[in-house]
N, C-alpha and C. Protein backbone atom coordinates (compact mmCIF):
# COMPACT_ATOMS: atom_id res chain seq x y z
N MET A 1 97.34 -168.50 77.35
CA MET A 1 96.15 -167.87 76.81
C MET A 1 95.06 -167.93 77.86
N ILE A 2 94.28 -166.87 77.94
CA ILE A 2 93.16 -166.81 78.87
C ILE A 2 91.87 -166.80 78.05
N LEU A 3 90.97 -167.69 78.42
CA LEU A 3 89.66 -167.74 77.77
C LEU A 3 88.63 -167.32 78.80
N GLU A 4 87.83 -166.34 78.46
CA GLU A 4 86.84 -165.82 79.39
C GLU A 4 85.45 -165.97 78.78
N THR A 5 84.53 -166.41 79.58
CA THR A 5 83.13 -166.50 79.17
C THR A 5 82.30 -165.64 80.11
N ALA A 6 81.43 -164.84 79.57
CA ALA A 6 80.57 -163.99 80.38
C ALA A 6 79.14 -164.09 79.86
N ILE A 7 78.21 -164.35 80.74
CA ILE A 7 76.79 -164.40 80.37
C ILE A 7 76.18 -163.06 80.75
N ARG A 8 75.48 -162.48 79.81
CA ARG A 8 74.86 -161.17 80.02
C ARG A 8 73.37 -161.27 79.74
N TYR A 9 72.58 -160.72 80.66
CA TYR A 9 71.15 -160.58 80.45
C TYR A 9 70.88 -159.10 80.19
N VAL A 10 70.29 -158.80 79.06
CA VAL A 10 69.99 -157.43 78.65
C VAL A 10 68.52 -157.17 78.92
N LYS A 11 68.19 -155.97 79.34
CA LYS A 11 66.78 -155.64 79.57
C LYS A 11 65.99 -155.91 78.30
N LYS A 12 64.85 -156.54 78.45
CA LYS A 12 64.03 -156.86 77.29
C LYS A 12 63.68 -155.58 76.53
N GLY A 13 63.79 -155.67 75.23
CA GLY A 13 63.53 -154.53 74.37
C GLY A 13 64.78 -153.71 74.07
N GLU A 14 65.88 -153.99 74.76
CA GLU A 14 67.12 -153.23 74.55
C GLU A 14 68.20 -154.08 73.88
N GLU A 15 67.82 -155.20 73.31
CA GLU A 15 68.79 -156.11 72.68
C GLU A 15 69.50 -155.46 71.50
N GLN A 16 68.76 -154.77 70.66
CA GLN A 16 69.38 -154.13 69.49
C GLN A 16 70.36 -153.05 69.91
N GLN A 17 70.02 -152.27 70.93
CA GLN A 17 70.93 -151.23 71.43
C GLN A 17 72.19 -151.86 72.01
N PHE A 18 72.04 -152.97 72.73
CA PHE A 18 73.19 -153.67 73.30
C PHE A 18 74.12 -154.14 72.18
N GLU A 19 73.56 -154.74 71.14
CA GLU A 19 74.38 -155.22 70.03
C GLU A 19 75.08 -154.07 69.33
N HIS A 20 74.40 -152.96 69.17
CA HIS A 20 75.01 -151.76 68.57
C HIS A 20 76.16 -151.26 69.43
N ASP A 21 75.93 -151.15 70.73
CA ASP A 21 76.97 -150.66 71.64
C ASP A 21 78.15 -151.63 71.70
N PHE A 22 77.88 -152.92 71.59
CA PHE A 22 78.96 -153.92 71.59
C PHE A 22 79.84 -153.73 70.36
N LYS A 23 79.24 -153.42 69.22
CA LYS A 23 80.03 -153.16 68.01
C LYS A 23 80.93 -151.95 68.18
N ILE A 24 80.44 -150.93 68.86
CA ILE A 24 81.26 -149.75 69.12
C ILE A 24 82.41 -150.11 70.07
N GLY A 25 82.11 -150.84 71.13
CA GLY A 25 83.13 -151.23 72.09
C GLY A 25 84.19 -152.13 71.49
N ARG A 26 83.81 -152.90 70.49
CA ARG A 26 84.74 -153.80 69.81
C ARG A 26 85.96 -153.05 69.28
N GLN A 27 85.75 -151.83 68.82
CA GLN A 27 86.86 -151.03 68.29
C GLN A 27 87.97 -150.83 69.32
N TYR A 28 87.58 -150.68 70.57
CA TYR A 28 88.54 -150.43 71.64
C TYR A 28 89.13 -151.73 72.18
N ILE A 29 88.31 -152.76 72.26
CA ILE A 29 88.79 -154.06 72.74
C ILE A 29 89.90 -154.58 71.84
N CYS A 30 89.75 -154.40 70.55
CA CYS A 30 90.72 -154.90 69.57
C CYS A 30 92.08 -154.24 69.69
N LEU A 31 92.17 -153.10 70.35
CA LEU A 31 93.43 -152.38 70.48
C LEU A 31 94.30 -152.88 71.63
N ILE A 32 93.76 -153.73 72.49
CA ILE A 32 94.49 -154.22 73.65
C ILE A 32 95.63 -155.14 73.21
N ASP A 33 96.82 -154.91 73.77
CA ASP A 33 97.98 -155.76 73.45
C ASP A 33 97.67 -157.21 73.77
N GLY A 34 97.98 -158.10 72.85
CA GLY A 34 97.77 -159.52 73.05
C GLY A 34 96.38 -160.00 72.67
N TYR A 35 95.53 -159.09 72.25
CA TYR A 35 94.16 -159.45 71.86
C TYR A 35 94.18 -160.42 70.68
N LEU A 36 93.41 -161.50 70.80
CA LEU A 36 93.33 -162.49 69.72
C LEU A 36 91.96 -162.54 69.06
N GLY A 37 90.91 -162.26 69.79
CA GLY A 37 89.59 -162.30 69.18
C GLY A 37 88.49 -162.44 70.22
N HIS A 38 87.28 -162.24 69.78
CA HIS A 38 86.12 -162.41 70.64
C HIS A 38 84.89 -162.69 69.78
N SER A 39 83.83 -163.09 70.43
CA SER A 39 82.58 -163.30 69.72
C SER A 39 81.42 -162.98 70.66
N LEU A 40 80.35 -162.54 70.10
CA LEU A 40 79.12 -162.29 70.84
C LEU A 40 78.10 -163.27 70.30
N ARG A 41 77.56 -164.08 71.19
CA ARG A 41 76.60 -165.09 70.76
C ARG A 41 75.30 -164.91 71.52
N LYS A 42 74.21 -164.92 70.79
CA LYS A 42 72.89 -164.74 71.37
C LYS A 42 72.28 -166.10 71.68
N CYS A 43 71.71 -166.22 72.85
CA CYS A 43 71.06 -167.47 73.27
C CYS A 43 69.81 -167.71 72.42
N VAL A 44 69.60 -168.93 72.02
CA VAL A 44 68.42 -169.24 71.20
C VAL A 44 67.17 -169.46 72.07
N GLU A 45 67.36 -169.70 73.36
CA GLU A 45 66.23 -169.97 74.25
C GLU A 45 65.66 -168.71 74.89
N TYR A 46 66.54 -167.72 75.13
CA TYR A 46 66.12 -166.46 75.76
C TYR A 46 66.61 -165.32 74.90
N GLU A 47 65.69 -164.51 74.40
CA GLU A 47 66.07 -163.47 73.45
C GLU A 47 66.91 -162.35 74.06
N ASN A 48 66.92 -162.24 75.39
CA ASN A 48 67.70 -161.18 76.01
C ASN A 48 68.95 -161.70 76.71
N LYS A 49 69.36 -162.92 76.38
CA LYS A 49 70.56 -163.53 76.99
C LYS A 49 71.65 -163.66 75.95
N TYR A 50 72.85 -163.27 76.33
CA TYR A 50 74.01 -163.34 75.44
C TYR A 50 75.11 -164.11 76.12
């Protein structure tokens, strides 16, 4: 199993659009063979960090 962590900084004010686009992209990620799951977590210290 491969576990990947990625930190993303989103332009301030575009957080809601990023979350919306991530939900759309989720549909395609889930189709990959061997896919087990993922999560998007928002940083509590920086509102534009995921």
